[in-house]
Amino acid sequence: MAERSYDCIVIGSGPGGYVAAIRAAQLGMKTAVVEVDQIGGRCLNYACIPAKAVLRVADVLGEIREAATFGITVSEPTVDFAAVGERRQKVVKTLTGGVAGLMKRNAIDVIDGHGVVTDEANVKVGGNFDGTEIEAKAVILATGSVKRPLPGTQFGGRVIGTEEAWALTELPKTLAVVGAGASGTEIASAYARLGSEVTLYEGLDRVLPTEDADISKVAERGFKKQGITVRTGVFVEDVASGDDGVTFTVAGEPAQAEWLVIAAGRAPDIENLGIEDAGITLTESGLIAVDGAQRTSLAGVWAIGDLVPGPALAHKASDEGIIAAEDIAGLETHPLEHVDIPRATFCLPNVASFGLTEQQARDAGHDVVVGKISFGAVGAGTVYGDRTGLVKVVGDRRYGELLGGHIVGTKATELIQELVNVRALEGGFPEVARMVHGHPTLSEAVMEAARDADGWLIHG
């Protein structure tokens, strides 16, 4: 049961909200979380976790199909998509149950209902006009983001967003995915390997357009190898949903698919949050304006995650939640360097990066040096069956500064962390080049890319 007042109330229980609440409770605050849906928010229930659960199935399926190259003979595997869905739900239930347990363990009250922030920095639960107001010494807004349709298009019927795509109960025969960013490529890669005929559309001139150009090229080759039809530099228009499929036009030509997934961007979930009535300032792009400690323009209110500027990533939201809670408690905090936050895409091949791309570094005026190496240059690439992966290090020649790291291939989402950590500890690519790496490991490719940047590549 909700109390009449709390030291800290968090609206939203996703990776930002529940982490913020736990940290606040650890710091001695009487804390509550207000959640209109399910504990864990969209990430755990509908997006990040369900996506990775399905992608893992596609990964296992691929490994089975490639078993013969390792000397193992197996029959052609079949996909029980209903069982895939059951496993996805089990994974979600396990993790959301774990978060619910953390709420209890930290004596955090979970209040069911729609939360609204007031101009007095309190929270109303149930609605702006008829809700029950609960006093709060501090409020953290952590409601995340919502799907955004294409211009002139609306969701409904067989036109769906990414959350619905991961929750399909039958394996589509044909699937059109609009948007070749992280979410779109993950969906395309998963369903193509599971057996759907997938077409991936992107308005810009390459897939994963925010990644380094060299990485995009390797990734696109991998997508096409999976049977994905990739069309870049085109726009999907005239979308019409029917009983059995979706019709649309691409570059003026008719097209159709059983389902059309829009993965072309998201918007902050601030509607009916009370932002306008509370007088909280927004940025020109419609995000909540915050300072380096996540404080909004209204005293007593903080905001984190997809509501505020910076990459819309779960781990970024979690760290901002910790910053907000510690600032509320009066601890010294430090703002995040958004450019240095790791980015991970779990398509096949994996893609991960941080920092500046080569082009961004050049545009910023750096004396750019680049180190590149394929996975095939190190023993582990051949051992594990991925010689096409690529590690690219972007640095500044004068001081050996590590400006960015970009990896495509097996375990890229794990390998990137080494470069992130070196940057955080103010090391450079010469230091990575001289760190002893285990052999044979894929991480040796990270070392060799750094050596290449430093001018003394050994393998390659």
Protein backbone atom coordinates (compact mmCIF):
# COMPACT_ATOMS: atom_id res chain seq x y z
CA MET A 1 0.00 0.00 0.00
CA ALA A 2 1.28 3.43 -0.89
CA GLU A 3 2.34 5.75 1.90
CA ARG A 4 1.47 9.43 2.03
CA SER A 5 5.04 10.57 1.43
CA TYR A 6 8.44 9.29 0.28
CA ASP A 7 11.97 10.56 0.10
CA CYS A 8 12.15 9.44 -3.53
CA ILE A 9 9.49 8.39 -6.02
CA VAL A 10 10.51 6.94 -9.37
CA ILE A 11 7.97 6.96 -12.20
CA GLY A 12 8.79 3.98 -14.39
CA SER A 13 10.45 0.66 -13.55
CA GLY A 14 12.61 -0.06 -16.61
CA PRO A 15 16.40 -0.44 -16.47
CA GLY A 16 16.73 3.22 -15.52
CA GLY A 17 13.87 3.40 -13.06
CA TYR A 18 14.40 0.25 -11.05
CA VAL A 19 18.15 0.83 -10.80
CA ALA A 20 17.53 4.40 -9.61
CA ALA A 21 15.07 3.13 -7.01
CA ILE A 22 17.48 0.51 -5.69
CA ARG A 23 20.32 3.01 -5.43
CA ALA A 24 18.06 5.49 -3.64
CA ALA A 25 17.02 2.80 -1.17
CA GLN A 26 20.65 1.79 -0.63
CA LEU A 27 21.37 5.40 0.29
CA GLY A 28 18.75 5.33 3.02
CA MET A 29 15.81 6.90 1.22
CA LYS A 30 12.24 5.74 1.67
CA THR A 31 11.52 4.89 -1.95
CA ALA A 32 8.60 3.99 -4.19
CA VAL A 33 8.26 3.07 -7.84
CA VAL A 34 5.12 3.93 -9.80
CA GLU A 35 4.50 1.60 -12.75
CA VAL A 36 1.48 1.63 -15.06
CA ASP A 37 2.34 -1.69 -16.73
CA GLN A 38 4.73 -4.45 -15.67
CA ILE A 39 7.79 -4.30 -13.43
CA GLY A 40 10.86 -4.09 -15.64
CA GLY A 41 9.32 -1.65 -18.10
CA ARG A 42 9.37 -2.06 -21.87
CA CYS A 43 12.97 -3.23 -22.00
CA LEU A 44 12.51 -6.35 -19.91
CA ASN A 45 8.95 -7.13 -20.97
CA TYR A 46 8.70 -6.20 -24.63
CA ALA A 47 11.97 -5.02 -26.15
CA CYS A 48 15.59 -5.66 -25.12
CA ILE A 49 15.17 -8.98 -23.32
CA PRO A 50 12.57 -10.63 -25.60
CA ALA A 51 14.70 -9.56 -28.57
CA LYS A 52 17.84 -11.17 -27.22
CA ALA A 53 15.92 -14.31 -26.26
CA VAL A 54 14.74 -14.78 -29.85
CA LEU A 55 18.12 -13.79 -31.29
CA ARG A 56 19.77 -16.42 -29.13
CA VAL A 57 17.51 -19.06 -30.67
CA ALA A 58 18.58 -17.90 -34.13
CA ASP A 59 22.23 -18.09 -33.04
CA VAL A 60 21.83 -21.68 -31.82
CA LEU A 61 20.02 -22.63 -35.01
CA GLY A 62 22.88 -21.22 -37.06
CA GLU A 63 25.45 -23.14 -35.04
CA ILE A 64 23.55 -26.38 -35.61
CA ARG A 65 23.36 -25.75 -39.35
CA GLU A 66 27.12 -25.11 -39.46
CA ALA A 67 27.95 -28.18 -37.38
CA ALA A 68 29.18 -30.13 -40.40
CA THR A 69 32.06 -27.69 -40.86
CA PHE A 70 33.24 -28.76 -37.39
CA GLY A 71 32.95 -32.48 -38.15
CA ILE A 72 29.53 -33.02 -36.60
CA THR A 73 26.78 -34.55 -38.72
CA VAL A 74 23.24 -33.63 -37.77
CA SER A 75 19.93 -33.65 -39.59
CA GLU A 76 18.38 -30.38 -40.79
CA PRO A 77 16.89 -28.72 -37.70
CA THR A 78 13.29 -27.52 -37.55
CA VAL A 79 11.95 -24.51 -35.68
CA ASP A 80 9.09 -24.95 -33.21
CA PHE A 81 8.12 -21.30 -33.10
CA ALA A 82 5.57 -21.85 -30.35
CA ALA A 83 8.35 -23.26 -28.18
CA VAL A 84 10.52 -20.27 -29.09
CA GLY A 85 7.75 -18.03 -27.76
CA GLU A 86 7.44 -20.08 -24.58
CA ARG A 87 11.16 -19.76 -23.92
CA ARG A 88 11.00 -16.02 -24.60
CA GLN A 89 8.22 -15.64 -22.04
CA LYS A 90 10.13 -17.78 -19.53
CA VAL A 91 13.22 -15.59 -19.89
CA VAL A 92 11.13 -12.45 -19.41
CA LYS A 93 9.32 -13.88 -16.40
CA THR A 94 12.60 -14.95 -14.78
CA LEU A 95 14.16 -11.52 -15.13
CA THR A 96 11.11 -9.45 -14.21
CA GLY A 97 10.59 -11.73 -11.25
CA GLY A 98 14.15 -11.01 -10.24
CA VAL A 99 13.52 -7.26 -10.40
CA ALA A 100 10.36 -7.66 -8.31
CA GLY A 101 12.46 -9.55 -5.77
CA LEU A 102 14.99 -6.72 -5.68
CA MET A 103 12.16 -4.28 -4.94
CA LYS A 104 11.14 -6.34 -1.92
CA ARG A 105 14.69 -6.90 -0.75
CA ASN A 106 15.34 -3.16 -0.75
CA ALA A 107 11.97 -2.31 0.89
CA ILE A 108 10.83 -0.35 -2.18
CA ASP A 109 7.07 0.11 -2.52
CA VAL A 110 5.69 -0.66 -5.98
CA ILE A 111 2.59 1.42 -6.73
CA ASP A 112 0.44 0.27 -9.63
CA GLY A 113 -0.96 3.07 -11.73
CA HIS A 114 -0.23 5.98 -14.02
CA GLY A 115 2.14 8.49 -12.43
CA VAL A 116 2.05 12.24 -13.07
CA VAL A 117 4.53 14.80 -11.75
CA THR A 118 3.03 17.99 -10.30
CA ASP A 119 4.31 21.55 -10.28
CA GLU A 120 5.11 21.08 -6.60
CA ALA A 121 7.39 18.15 -7.45
CA ASN A 122 5.00 15.58 -6.04
CA VAL A 123 3.41 12.62 -7.80
CA LYS A 124 -0.21 11.92 -8.59
CA VAL A 125 -1.11 8.30 -9.21
CA GLY A 126 -4.17 7.62 -11.34
CA GLY A 127 -4.38 10.79 -13.37
CA ASN A 128 -3.58 14.48 -13.46
CA PHE A 129 -6.98 15.63 -12.22
CA ASP A 130 -8.44 12.69 -10.29
CA GLY A 131 -5.27 11.03 -9.04
CA THR A 132 -4.10 10.50 -5.49
CA GLU A 133 -1.26 12.90 -4.71
CA ILE A 134 1.75 11.53 -2.86
CA GLU A 135 4.37 13.85 -1.42
CA ALA A 136 7.93 13.36 -2.57
CA LYS A 137 11.15 15.00 -1.54
CA ALA A 138 12.51 13.96 -4.93
CA VAL A 139 11.01 12.56 -8.13
CA ILE A 140 12.88 10.69 -10.86
CA LEU A 141 11.15 10.46 -14.25
CA ALA A 142 12.04 7.23 -16.01
CA THR A 143 9.18 6.35 -18.36
CA GLY A 144 11.32 5.49 -21.38
CA SER A 145 10.19 5.77 -24.99
CA VAL A 146 7.38 4.72 -27.30
CA LYS A 147 7.32 3.54 -30.89
CA ARG A 148 7.02 6.17 -33.61
CA PRO A 149 5.32 5.55 -36.98
CA LEU A 150 6.53 6.61 -40.38
CA PRO A 151 5.15 9.95 -41.59
CA GLY A 152 1.71 9.38 -43.02
CA THR A 153 1.50 5.90 -41.51
CA GLN A 154 -0.11 4.58 -38.36
CA PHE A 155 0.31 1.43 -36.35
CA GLY A 156 -2.45 -1.13 -36.46
CA GLY A 157 -3.37 -4.43 -38.03
CA ARG A 158 -0.30 -5.87 -39.69
CA VAL A 159 1.71 -2.66 -39.37
CA ILE A 160 3.59 -3.17 -36.12
CA GLY A 161 6.45 -1.85 -34.02
CA THR A 162 9.46 -3.70 -32.69
CA GLU A 163 7.74 -4.83 -29.48
CA GLU A 164 4.99 -6.59 -31.44
CA ALA A 165 7.55 -8.06 -33.83
CA TRP A 166 9.29 -9.93 -31.03
CA ALA A 167 5.93 -11.17 -29.69
CA LEU A 168 4.60 -12.72 -32.93
CA THR A 169 2.98 -16.10 -32.24
CA GLU A 170 3.58 -17.54 -35.71
CA LEU A 171 6.71 -17.38 -37.84
CA PRO A 172 5.99 -14.98 -40.71
CA LYS A 173 6.45 -16.20 -44.26
CA THR A 174 7.39 -12.70 -45.39
CA LEU A 175 8.50 -9.76 -43.30
CA ALA A 176 9.31 -6.19 -44.30
CA VAL A 177 11.43 -4.21 -41.84
CA VAL A 178 11.66 -0.43 -42.23
CA GLY A 179 14.76 1.04 -40.61
CA ALA A 180 18.20 -0.60 -40.70
CA GLY A 181 19.43 0.71 -37.37
CA ALA A 182 20.06 -1.49 -34.34
CA SER A 183 16.45 -2.57 -33.77
CA GLY A 184 15.64 -3.17 -37.41
CA THR A 185 18.74 -5.20 -38.17
CA GLU A 186 18.21 -7.35 -35.09
CA ILE A 187 14.66 -8.19 -36.21
CA ALA A 188 15.72 -8.85 -39.79
CA SER A 189 18.66 -11.02 -38.74
CA ALA A 190 16.63 -13.08 -36.28
CA TYR A 191 13.66 -13.81 -38.51
CA ALA A 192 15.71 -14.47 -41.64
CA ARG A 193 17.68 -17.17 -39.84
CA LEU A 194 14.50 -18.65 -38.36
CA GLY A 195 13.07 -19.05 -41.84
CA SER A 196 11.18 -15.90 -42.84
CA GLU A 197 11.71 -14.15 -46.16
CA VAL A 198 12.93 -10.74 -44.99
CA THR A 199 13.41 -7.44 -46.79
CA LEU A 200 15.21 -4.65 -44.93
CA TYR A 201 14.59 -1.06 -46.04
CA GLU A 202 16.68 1.97 -45.11
CA GLY A 203 16.24 5.57 -46.24
CA LEU A 204 19.93 6.40 -45.87
CA ASP A 205 22.65 5.01 -48.09
CA ARG A 206 23.79 2.11 -45.89
CA VAL A 207 22.67 -0.23 -43.14
CA LEU A 208 23.54 0.74 -39.56
CA PRO A 209 24.09 4.31 -40.76
CA THR A 210 25.31 5.62 -37.40
CA GLU A 211 28.13 3.07 -37.30
CA ASP A 212 31.51 3.46 -38.95
CA ALA A 213 31.26 2.96 -42.72
CA ASP A 214 33.72 0.03 -42.73
CA ILE A 215 31.61 -1.76 -40.12
CA SER A 216 28.41 -1.21 -42.10
CA LYS A 217 29.96 -2.83 -45.18
CA VAL A 218 30.91 -6.00 -43.32
CA ALA A 219 27.51 -6.14 -41.61
CA GLU A 220 25.62 -5.78 -44.89
CA ARG A 221 27.58 -8.63 -46.43
CA GLY A 222 26.60 -10.74 -43.43
CA PHE A 223 22.92 -9.81 -43.78
CA LYS A 224 22.86 -10.75 -47.46
CA LYS A 225 24.56 -14.06 -46.68
CA GLN A 226 21.62 -14.81 -44.36
CA GLY A 227 19.24 -14.28 -47.26
CA ILE A 228 18.04 -10.81 -46.25
CA THR A 229 17.15 -8.56 -49.16
CA VAL A 230 18.73 -5.20 -48.32
CA ARG A 231 17.49 -2.02 -49.97
CA THR A 232 19.12 1.26 -48.97
CA GLY A 233 18.42 4.79 -50.11
CA VAL A 234 14.70 4.07 -50.48
CA PHE A 235 11.56 5.12 -48.63
CA VAL A 236 8.46 3.09 -47.82
CA GLU A 237 5.21 4.92 -48.58
CA ASP A 238 1.48 4.36 -49.19
CA VAL A 239 1.24 1.73 -46.47
CA ALA A 240 -2.08 -0.12 -46.25
CA SER A 241 -2.79 -2.97 -43.83
CA GLY A 242 -5.16 -5.76 -44.88
CA ASP A 243 -6.44 -8.98 -43.34
CA ASP A 244 -3.60 -11.13 -44.64
CA GLY A 245 -0.79 -8.68 -45.23
CA VAL A 246 0.46 -5.17 -45.91
CA THR A 247 0.83 -3.39 -49.23
CA PHE A 248 3.12 -0.42 -49.78
CA THR A 249 5.28 1.28 -52.37
CA VAL A 250 9.06 1.54 -52.45
CA ALA A 251 10.65 3.98 -54.88
CA GLY A 252 7.29 4.16 -56.61
CA GLU A 253 7.01 0.38 -57.08
CA PRO A 254 4.39 -1.81 -55.35
CA ALA A 255 5.46 -4.27 -52.66
CA GLN A 256 3.81 -6.44 -50.03
CA ALA A 257 4.57 -8.53 -46.98
CA GLU A 258 2.72 -10.54 -44.38
CA TRP A 259 3.87 -8.08 -41.71
CA LEU A 260 5.52 -4.66 -41.89
CA VAL A 261 7.69 -3.68 -38.94
CA ILE A 262 8.50 -0.02 -38.40
CA ALA A 263 11.84 0.28 -36.63
CA ALA A 264 12.69 3.80 -37.73
CA GLY A 265 12.89 5.59 -34.38
CA ARG A 266 11.23 6.15 -31.04
CA ALA A 267 9.92 9.14 -29.08
CA PRO A 268 10.14 10.00 -25.35
CA ASP A 269 7.13 8.77 -23.37
CA ILE A 270 6.16 12.12 -21.86
CA GLU A 271 2.54 12.37 -22.92
CA ASN A 272 0.27 12.64 -19.86
CA LEU A 273 3.30 12.72 -17.58
CA GLY A 274 2.44 16.23 -16.41
CA ILE A 275 5.55 17.83 -17.93
CA GLU A 276 3.79 20.86 -19.40
CA ASP A 277 1.63 21.59 -16.36
CA ALA A 278 4.65 21.21 -14.09
CA GLY A 279 6.58 23.73 -16.20
CA ILE A 280 9.48 21.40 -16.93
CA THR A 281 11.66 22.63 -19.79
CA LEU A 282 12.09 20.57 -22.95
CA THR A 283 14.84 20.69 -25.55
CA GLU A 284 14.13 21.72 -29.14
CA SER A 285 13.86 18.04 -30.06
CA GLY A 286 11.19 17.40 -27.40
CA LEU A 287 13.36 15.70 -24.80
CA ILE A 288 13.49 16.76 -21.14
CA ALA A 289 16.36 19.18 -20.59
CA VAL A 290 18.68 18.11 -17.76
CA ASP A 291 22.06 19.08 -16.37
CA GLY A 292 24.98 16.75 -15.73
CA ALA A 293 23.36 15.45 -12.54
CA GLN A 294 20.07 14.69 -14.36
CA ARG A 295 18.26 17.62 -12.70
CA THR A 296 15.36 19.11 -14.65
CA SER A 297 14.34 22.77 -14.60
CA LEU A 298 11.89 22.02 -11.76
CA ALA A 299 13.58 21.75 -8.38
CA GLY A 300 13.08 18.33 -6.88
CA VAL A 301 12.62 16.53 -10.21
CA TRP A 302 15.24 14.50 -12.08
CA ALA A 303 14.89 12.71 -15.44
CA ILE A 304 16.82 9.84 -17.01
CA GLY A 305 16.99 7.42 -19.93
CA ASP A 306 15.14 7.87 -23.20
CA LEU A 307 13.43 10.98 -21.81
CA VAL A 308 16.65 12.99 -21.93
CA PRO A 309 19.40 13.72 -24.48
CA GLY A 310 21.96 11.08 -25.31
CA PRO A 311 21.80 7.58 -26.81
CA ALA A 312 18.58 5.69 -26.07
CA LEU A 313 20.25 2.72 -24.41
CA ALA A 314 19.25 0.70 -21.37
CA HIS A 315 22.70 0.80 -19.79
CA LYS A 316 22.87 4.56 -20.24
CA ALA A 317 19.52 4.86 -18.43
CA SER A 318 20.77 2.68 -15.57
CA ASP A 319 23.87 4.79 -15.06
CA GLU A 320 21.82 7.98 -15.16
CA GLY A 321 19.52 6.49 -12.55
CA ILE A 322 22.50 5.99 -10.25
CA ILE A 323 23.70 9.54 -10.89
CA ALA A 324 20.24 10.95 -10.10
CA ALA A 325 19.86 8.95 -6.89
CA GLU A 326 23.32 9.88 -5.67
CA ASP A 327 22.76 13.54 -6.48
CA ILE A 328 19.52 13.46 -4.48
CA ALA A 329 21.48 11.97 -1.58
CA GLY A 330 24.01 14.81 -1.76
CA LEU A 331 26.89 12.74 -3.10
CA GLU A 332 29.36 14.06 -5.65
CA THR A 333 28.50 12.88 -9.15
CA HIS A 334 29.99 13.23 -12.61
CA PRO A 335 28.10 13.68 -15.88
CA LEU A 336 28.17 10.94 -18.48
CA GLU A 337 30.25 11.34 -21.61
CA HIS A 338 27.62 10.23 -24.09
CA VAL A 339 30.09 9.58 -26.88
CA ASP A 340 31.98 7.05 -24.76
CA ILE A 341 28.96 4.90 -23.92
CA PRO A 342 29.22 1.50 -25.63
CA ARG A 343 26.68 0.68 -28.33
CA ALA A 344 25.73 -2.93 -29.00
CA THR A 345 23.66 -4.53 -31.77
CA PHE A 346 22.98 -8.25 -31.45
CA CYS A 347 22.30 -9.03 -35.10
CA LEU A 348 24.47 -11.52 -36.95
CA PRO A 349 27.22 -10.48 -37.20
CA ASN A 350 27.32 -8.69 -33.85
CA VAL A 351 28.14 -4.99 -34.08
CA ALA A 352 29.52 -2.87 -31.24
CA SER A 353 31.18 0.50 -30.97
CA PHE A 354 31.97 3.52 -28.86
CA GLY A 355 33.34 6.98 -29.47
CA LEU A 356 33.87 8.63 -32.83
CA THR A 357 33.74 7.01 -36.25
CA GLU A 358 36.67 7.68 -38.57
CA GLN A 359 34.67 10.31 -40.45
CA GLN A 360 33.49 12.01 -37.26
CA ALA A 361 37.07 12.16 -36.00
CA ARG A 362 38.25 13.75 -39.24
CA ASP A 363 35.35 16.21 -39.23
CA ALA A 364 36.32 17.19 -35.66
CA GLY A 365 39.81 18.13 -36.85
CA HIS A 366 41.82 15.31 -35.27
CA ASP A 367 45.07 14.06 -36.77
CA VAL A 368 43.44 10.70 -37.37
CA VAL A 369 45.20 7.37 -37.33
CA VAL A 370 43.33 4.13 -37.97
CA GLY A 371 44.13 0.55 -37.05
CA LYS A 372 42.20 -2.33 -38.64
CA ILE A 373 42.45 -6.09 -38.46
CA SER A 374 40.17 -8.94 -39.50
CA PHE A 375 39.35 -11.78 -37.14
CA GLY A 376 41.06 -14.08 -39.66
CA ALA A 377 44.44 -12.61 -38.71
CA VAL A 378 44.32 -14.11 -35.21
CA GLY A 379 44.08 -17.78 -34.34
CA ALA A 380 40.74 -17.63 -32.56
CA GLY A 381 38.96 -16.29 -35.64
CA THR A 382 39.79 -19.47 -37.53
CA VAL A 383 39.17 -21.72 -34.52
CA TYR A 384 35.70 -20.30 -33.91
CA GLY A 385 34.76 -20.09 -37.57
CA ASP A 386 34.63 -16.32 -38.04
CA ARG A 387 37.38 -14.96 -40.25
CA THR A 388 35.27 -12.09 -41.60
CA GLY A 389 34.93 -10.09 -38.39
CA LEU A 390 36.70 -6.75 -38.17
CA VAL A 391 38.14 -4.57 -35.41
CA LYS A 392 38.77 -0.91 -36.16
CA VAL A 393 40.48 1.52 -33.81
CA VAL A 394 40.28 5.26 -34.42
CA GLY A 395 42.87 7.41 -32.68
CA ASP A 396 44.64 10.75 -32.64
CA ARG A 397 48.22 10.38 -33.86
CA ARG A 398 49.83 13.09 -31.74
CA TYR A 399 49.04 11.79 -28.27
CA GLY A 400 47.93 8.23 -28.97
CA GLU A 401 44.43 9.13 -27.84
CA LEU A 402 41.79 6.47 -28.35
CA LEU A 403 38.90 8.27 -30.06
CA GLY A 404 36.70 5.35 -30.99
CA GLY A 405 36.44 1.59 -31.32
CA HIS A 406 34.33 -0.34 -33.82
CA ILE A 407 33.88 -4.11 -34.03
CA VAL A 408 31.77 -6.37 -36.22
CA GLY A 409 31.80 -10.13 -35.77
CA THR A 410 31.52 -12.86 -33.18
CA LYS A 411 31.28 -11.54 -29.59
CA ALA A 412 31.72 -7.93 -30.72
CA THR A 413 29.27 -6.84 -28.03
CA GLU A 414 31.60 -8.28 -25.39
CA LEU A 415 34.92 -7.30 -26.98
CA ILE A 416 34.11 -3.58 -27.19
CA GLN A 417 34.22 -3.18 -23.42
CA GLU A 418 38.02 -3.43 -23.32
CA LEU A 419 38.36 -0.30 -25.45
CA VAL A 420 35.66 1.49 -23.47
CA ASN A 421 37.50 0.73 -20.24
CA VAL A 422 40.85 1.88 -21.60
CA ARG A 423 39.29 5.17 -22.67
CA ALA A 424 37.61 5.60 -19.26
CA LEU A 425 40.96 5.07 -17.54
CA GLU A 426 42.58 7.65 -19.85
CA GLY A 427 44.66 5.11 -21.72
CA GLY A 428 45.32 5.19 -25.44
CA PHE A 429 45.78 2.76 -28.30
CA PRO A 430 49.54 2.37 -27.59
CA GLU A 431 48.64 0.98 -24.17
CA VAL A 432 46.18 -1.52 -25.71
CA ALA A 433 48.88 -2.55 -28.17
CA ARG A 434 51.24 -3.52 -25.34
CA MET A 435 48.75 -5.25 -23.04
CA VAL A 436 49.27 -9.01 -22.89
CA HIS A 437 46.19 -10.77 -24.26
CA GLY A 438 45.37 -14.45 -23.83
CA HIS A 439 45.98 -16.77 -26.77
CA PRO A 440 44.10 -17.88 -28.75
CA THR A 441 41.30 -15.38 -28.11
CA LEU A 442 39.28 -13.03 -30.24
CA SER A 443 40.48 -10.22 -27.97
CA GLU A 444 43.86 -10.53 -29.65
CA ALA A 445 42.25 -8.86 -32.66
CA VAL A 446 41.60 -5.80 -30.48
CA MET A 447 45.28 -5.77 -29.53
CA GLU A 448 46.40 -6.16 -33.14
CA ALA A 449 44.14 -3.33 -34.33
CA ALA A 450 45.74 -1.11 -31.70
CA ARG A 451 49.18 -2.21 -32.87
CA ASP A 452 48.20 -1.35 -36.42
CA ALA A 453 47.21 2.15 -35.28
CA ASP A 454 50.53 2.41 -33.44
CA GLY A 455 52.45 1.43 -36.57
CA TRP A 456 53.70 -2.06 -35.78
CA LEU A 457 51.11 -4.67 -36.69
CA ILE A 458 52.41 -8.19 -36.12
CA HIS A 459 49.68 -10.42 -37.59
CA GLY A 460 48.25 -9.06 -40.78
